[in-house]
Amino acid sequence: MSLIEFTKNRWPWNYGLTDFLNREDFFNNDFFNLEKSSPAMNVKEREDDFEIELASPGFDKKDFKISLEDHILEVSAEKEKEETEKDNEYTRKEFNYRSFRRALQLPKTIDESKDVKATYKNGILRLNLQKRENTKEKAKKKIEVI
């Protein structure tokens, strides 16, 4: 996709900055799509815990940093790869850098004093956060109107 639309009557030097930024399709391209930098996430609430899954293929266990403080869960990962190949006639250098960071406000029902279980398998980071004992669902009490 071209950022500037070329027409017979409008050349790039005739474009004002306001025209350029106000185009309907200006922010609708991959460069401005912030969702691609964050992994897809599933959150499951169960009776005793919450399970959070983050799709983050291509990372290793050691690449993740996970913290929990004041009911904010922060998950981030960084991976850097660099290859250099030298020959008498050329030098080839390739690098790749990937990272993400997600912060989630957790409900007050999470027991921060208990350990968070984190596993990484087949590109899925899975976190289990325990609920407090007194906040687990109890049987509903039926109240009759008289």
C-alpha atoms as a PDB file:
ATOM      1  CA  MET A   1       0.000   0.000   0.000  1.00  0.00           C
ATOM      2  CA  SER A   2       1.291   3.430  -0.906  1.00  0.00           C
ATOM      3  CA  LEU A   3       1.084   6.095   1.783  1.00  0.00           C
ATOM      4  CA  ILE A   4       0.458   8.795  -0.820  1.00  0.00           C
ATOM      5  CA  GLU A   5      -2.176   8.423  -3.488  1.00  0.00           C
ATOM      6  CA  PHE A   6      -1.017   9.639  -6.902  1.00  0.00           C
ATOM      7  CA  THR A   7      -3.692  11.034  -9.204  1.00  0.00           C
ATOM      8  CA  LYS A   8      -3.557  13.125 -12.368  1.00  0.00           C
ATOM      9  CA  ASN A   9      -4.518  16.310 -10.523  1.00  0.00           C
ATOM     10  CA  ARG A  10      -2.691  15.798  -7.221  1.00  0.00           C
ATOM     11  CA  TRP A  11       1.019  15.225  -7.064  1.00  0.00           C
ATOM     12  CA  PRO A  12       2.774  14.592  -3.744  1.00  0.00           C
ATOM     13  CA  TRP A  13       4.085  18.153  -3.505  1.00  0.00           C
ATOM     14  CA  ASN A  14       0.488  19.435  -3.680  1.00  0.00           C
ATOM     15  CA  TYR A  15      -0.481  17.371  -0.627  1.00  0.00           C
ATOM     16  CA  GLY A  16      -0.749  19.345   2.570  1.00  0.00           C
ATOM     17  CA  LEU A  17       0.082  17.639   5.860  1.00  0.00           C
ATOM     18  CA  THR A  18      -3.554  17.880   6.944  1.00  0.00           C
ATOM     19  CA  ASP A  19      -4.702  16.127   3.753  1.00  0.00           C
ATOM     20  CA  PHE A  20      -2.052  13.470   4.250  1.00  0.00           C
ATOM     21  CA  LEU A  21      -2.990  12.642   7.854  1.00  0.00           C
ATOM     22  CA  ASN A  22      -6.757  12.937   7.386  1.00  0.00           C
ATOM     23  CA  ARG A  23      -6.975  10.264   4.708  1.00  0.00           C
ATOM     24  CA  GLU A  24      -9.342   7.485   5.737  1.00  0.00           C
ATOM     25  CA  ASP A  25      -6.866   4.713   4.947  1.00  0.00           C
ATOM     26  CA  PHE A  26      -3.768   6.350   6.471  1.00  0.00           C
ATOM     27  CA  PHE A  27      -3.891   4.380   9.744  1.00  0.00           C
ATOM     28  CA  ASN A  28      -5.335   1.217   8.181  1.00  0.00           C
ATOM     29  CA  ASN A  29      -2.091  -0.464   7.216  1.00  0.00           C
ATOM     30  CA  ASP A  30       0.182  -2.985   8.946  1.00  0.00           C
ATOM     31  CA  PHE A  31       2.642  -0.343  10.160  1.00  0.00           C
ATOM     32  CA  PHE A  32       0.065   1.126  12.558  1.00  0.00           C
ATOM     33  CA  ASN A  33      -1.486  -2.193  13.612  1.00  0.00           C
ATOM     34  CA  LEU A  34      -0.414  -2.456  17.264  1.00  0.00           C
ATOM     35  CA  GLU A  35      -2.238  -5.742  17.793  1.00  0.00           C
ATOM     36  CA  LYS A  36       0.465  -7.607  15.875  1.00  0.00           C
ATOM     37  CA  SER A  37       3.055  -6.787  18.550  1.00  0.00           C
ATOM     38  CA  SER A  38       0.969  -8.336  21.339  1.00  0.00           C
ATOM     39  CA  PRO A  39       0.360 -12.063  21.516  1.00  0.00           C
ATOM     40  CA  ALA A  40      -3.177 -13.411  21.362  1.00  0.00           C
ATOM     41  CA  MET A  41      -4.538 -14.144  24.815  1.00  0.00           C
ATOM     42  CA  ASN A  42      -7.228 -16.355  26.383  1.00  0.00           C
ATOM     43  CA  VAL A  43      -8.442 -15.941  29.957  1.00  0.00           C
ATOM     44  CA  LYS A  44     -10.431 -18.705  31.643  1.00  0.00           C
ATOM     45  CA  GLU A  45     -12.042 -18.303  35.044  1.00  0.00           C
ATOM     46  CA  ARG A  46     -12.538 -21.548  36.902  1.00  0.00           C
ATOM     47  CA  GLU A  47     -13.832 -22.297  40.383  1.00  0.00           C
ATOM     48  CA  ASP A  48     -10.394 -22.238  42.076  1.00  0.00           C
ATOM     49  CA  ASP A  49      -8.215 -20.241  39.701  1.00  0.00           C
ATOM     50  CA  PHE A  50      -7.734 -18.207  36.561  1.00  0.00           C
ATOM     51  CA  GLU A  51      -5.840 -19.619  33.588  1.00  0.00           C
ATOM     52  CA  ILE A  52      -4.223 -17.192  31.160  1.00  0.00           C
ATOM     53  CA  GLU A  53      -2.799 -18.409  27.852  1.00  0.00           C
ATOM     54  CA  LEU A  54      -0.563 -16.287  25.617  1.00  0.00           C
ATOM     55  CA  ALA A  55       0.285 -17.451  22.101  1.00  0.00           C
ATOM     56  CA  SER A  56       3.973 -16.610  21.829  1.00  0.00           C
ATOM     57  CA  PRO A  57       5.760 -19.021  19.475  1.00  0.00           C
ATOM     58  CA  GLY A  58       9.460 -18.689  18.763  1.00  0.00           C
ATOM     59  CA  PHE A  59      10.521 -17.787  22.298  1.00  0.00           C
ATOM     60  CA  ASP A  60      12.368 -19.874  24.884  1.00  0.00           C
ATOM     61  CA  LYS A  61      11.451 -20.222  28.554  1.00  0.00           C
ATOM     62  CA  LYS A  62      14.394 -18.024  29.529  1.00  0.00           C
ATOM     63  CA  ASP A  63      13.105 -15.147  27.332  1.00  0.00           C
ATOM     64  CA  PHE A  64      10.050 -14.465  29.556  1.00  0.00           C
ATOM     65  CA  LYS A  65       9.839 -12.045  32.475  1.00  0.00           C
ATOM     66  CA  ILE A  66       6.685 -12.359  34.573  1.00  0.00           C
ATOM     67  CA  SER A  67       5.791 -10.277  37.619  1.00  0.00           C
ATOM     68  CA  LEU A  68       2.736  -9.766  39.819  1.00  0.00           C
ATOM     69  CA  GLU A  69       2.367  -6.713  42.029  1.00  0.00           C
ATOM     70  CA  ASP A  70      -0.688  -4.809  43.301  1.00  0.00           C
ATOM     71  CA  HIS A  71      -3.000  -6.995  41.190  1.00  0.00           C
ATOM     72  CA  ILE A  72      -1.150  -6.135  37.980  1.00  0.00           C
ATOM     73  CA  LEU A  73       0.290  -9.068  36.074  1.00  0.00           C
ATOM     74  CA  GLU A  74       3.061  -8.085  33.686  1.00  0.00           C
ATOM     75  CA  VAL A  75       4.362 -10.501  31.054  1.00  0.00           C
ATOM     76  CA  SER A  76       7.147  -9.570  28.669  1.00  0.00           C
ATOM     77  CA  ALA A  77       9.599 -11.377  26.431  1.00  0.00           C
ATOM     78  CA  GLU A  78      12.604 -10.447  24.303  1.00  0.00           C
ATOM     79  CA  LYS A  79      14.533 -12.471  21.786  1.00  0.00           C
ATOM     80  CA  GLU A  80      17.498 -11.269  19.797  1.00  0.00           C
ATOM     81  CA  LYS A  81      19.272 -13.266  17.109  1.00  0.00           C
ATOM     82  CA  GLU A  82      22.236 -12.172  15.020  1.00  0.00           C
ATOM     83  CA  GLU A  83      24.191 -14.079  12.372  1.00  0.00           C
ATOM     84  CA  THR A  84      27.318 -12.930  10.576  1.00  0.00           C
ATOM     85  CA  GLU A  85      28.963 -14.773   7.713  1.00  0.00           C
ATOM     86  CA  LYS A  86      32.250 -13.497   6.308  1.00  0.00           C
ATOM     87  CA  ASP A  87      33.955 -14.563   3.113  1.00  0.00           C
ATOM     88  CA  ASN A  88      36.774 -13.003   1.115  1.00  0.00           C
ATOM     89  CA  GLU A  89      34.342 -11.319  -1.246  1.00  0.00           C
ATOM     90  CA  TYR A  90      31.377 -10.429   0.974  1.00  0.00           C
ATOM     91  CA  THR A  91      29.973 -10.101   4.462  1.00  0.00           C
ATOM     92  CA  ARG A  92      26.430 -11.175   5.207  1.00  0.00           C
ATOM     93  CA  LYS A  93      24.821 -10.044   8.433  1.00  0.00           C
ATOM     94  CA  GLU A  94      21.278 -10.852   9.490  1.00  0.00           C
ATOM     95  CA  PHE A  95      19.508  -9.978  12.699  1.00  0.00           C
ATOM     96  CA  ASN A  96      16.094 -10.473  14.199  1.00  0.00           C
ATOM     97  CA  TYR A  97      14.633  -8.777  17.260  1.00  0.00           C
ATOM     98  CA  ARG A  98      11.234  -9.628  18.725  1.00  0.00           C
ATOM     99  CA  SER A  99       9.608  -8.473  21.916  1.00  0.00           C
ATOM    100  CA  PHE A 100       6.259  -7.907  23.554  1.00  0.00           C
ATOM    101  CA  ARG A 101       4.864  -6.631  26.834  1.00  0.00           C
ATOM    102  CA  ARG A 102       1.386  -7.106  28.282  1.00  0.00           C
ATOM    103  CA  ALA A 103       0.090  -5.793  31.568  1.00  0.00           C
ATOM    104  CA  LEU A 104      -3.246  -6.956  32.969  1.00  0.00           C
ATOM    105  CA  GLN A 105      -5.256  -5.550  35.857  1.00  0.00           C
ATOM    106  CA  LEU A 106      -6.348  -8.620  37.810  1.00  0.00           C
ATOM    107  CA  PRO A 107      -9.474  -8.888  39.956  1.00  0.00           C
ATOM    108  CA  LYS A 108      -9.146  -8.615  43.744  1.00  0.00           C
ATOM    109  CA  THR A 109     -10.170 -12.283  43.989  1.00  0.00           C
ATOM    110  CA  ILE A 110      -6.608 -13.346  43.047  1.00  0.00           C
ATOM    111  CA  ASP A 111      -4.483 -14.538  45.972  1.00  0.00           C
ATOM    112  CA  GLU A 112      -1.142 -12.804  45.415  1.00  0.00           C
ATOM    113  CA  SER A 113       0.439 -14.678  48.328  1.00  0.00           C
ATOM    114  CA  LYS A 114       0.262 -17.965  46.393  1.00  0.00           C
ATOM    115  CA  ASP A 115       2.761 -18.873  43.685  1.00  0.00           C
ATOM    116  CA  VAL A 116       1.800 -18.352  40.059  1.00  0.00           C
ATOM    117  CA  LYS A 117       2.361 -21.489  38.021  1.00  0.00           C
ATOM    118  CA  ALA A 118       3.876 -20.737  34.599  1.00  0.00           C
ATOM    119  CA  THR A 119       4.493 -23.300  31.853  1.00  0.00           C
ATOM    120  CA  TYR A 120       5.623 -22.878  28.250  1.00  0.00           C
ATOM    121  CA  LYS A 121       4.946 -25.609  25.731  1.00  0.00           C
ATOM    122  CA  ASN A 122       4.405 -25.613  21.946  1.00  0.00           C
ATOM    123  CA  GLY A 123       4.469 -21.804  21.731  1.00  0.00           C
ATOM    124  CA  ILE A 124       1.829 -21.286  24.447  1.00  0.00           C
ATOM    125  CA  LEU A 125       2.681 -19.589  27.747  1.00  0.00           C
ATOM    126  CA  ARG A 126       0.150 -20.773  30.347  1.00  0.00           C
ATOM    127  CA  LEU A 127      -0.245 -19.046  33.729  1.00  0.00           C
ATOM    128  CA  ASN A 128      -2.393 -20.282  36.621  1.00  0.00           C
ATOM    129  CA  LEU A 129      -3.336 -17.776  39.324  1.00  0.00           C
ATOM    130  CA  GLN A 130      -5.099 -19.044  42.454  1.00  0.00           C
ATOM    131  CA  LYS A 131      -8.210 -17.389  43.884  1.00  0.00           C
ATOM    132  CA  ARG A 132      -8.622 -16.472  47.544  1.00  0.00           C
ATOM    133  CA  GLU A 133     -10.493 -19.019  49.618  1.00  0.00           C
ATOM    134  CA  ASN A 134     -13.222 -16.625  50.746  1.00  0.00           C
ATOM    135  CA  THR A 135     -14.020 -15.462  47.192  1.00  0.00           C
ATOM    136  CA  LYS A 136     -14.642 -18.835  45.605  1.00  0.00           C
ATOM    137  CA  GLU A 137     -18.178 -19.300  44.381  1.00  0.00           C
ATOM    138  CA  LYS A 138     -20.572 -20.556  46.979  1.00  0.00           C
ATOM    139  CA  ALA A 139     -23.963 -22.067  46.370  1.00  0.00           C
ATOM    140  CA  LYS A 140     -26.524 -19.382  45.631  1.00  0.00           C
ATOM    141  CA  LYS A 141     -29.018 -18.757  48.346  1.00  0.00           C
ATOM    142  CA  LYS A 142     -32.552 -18.570  47.085  1.00  0.00           C
ATOM    143  CA  ILE A 143     -34.627 -15.799  48.660  1.00  0.00           C
ATOM    144  CA  GLU A 144     -38.355 -16.007  48.523  1.00  0.00           C
ATOM    145  CA  VAL A 145     -40.464 -12.871  48.285  1.00  0.00           C
ATOM    146  CA  ILE A 146     -43.488 -12.883  50.589  1.00  0.00           C
END
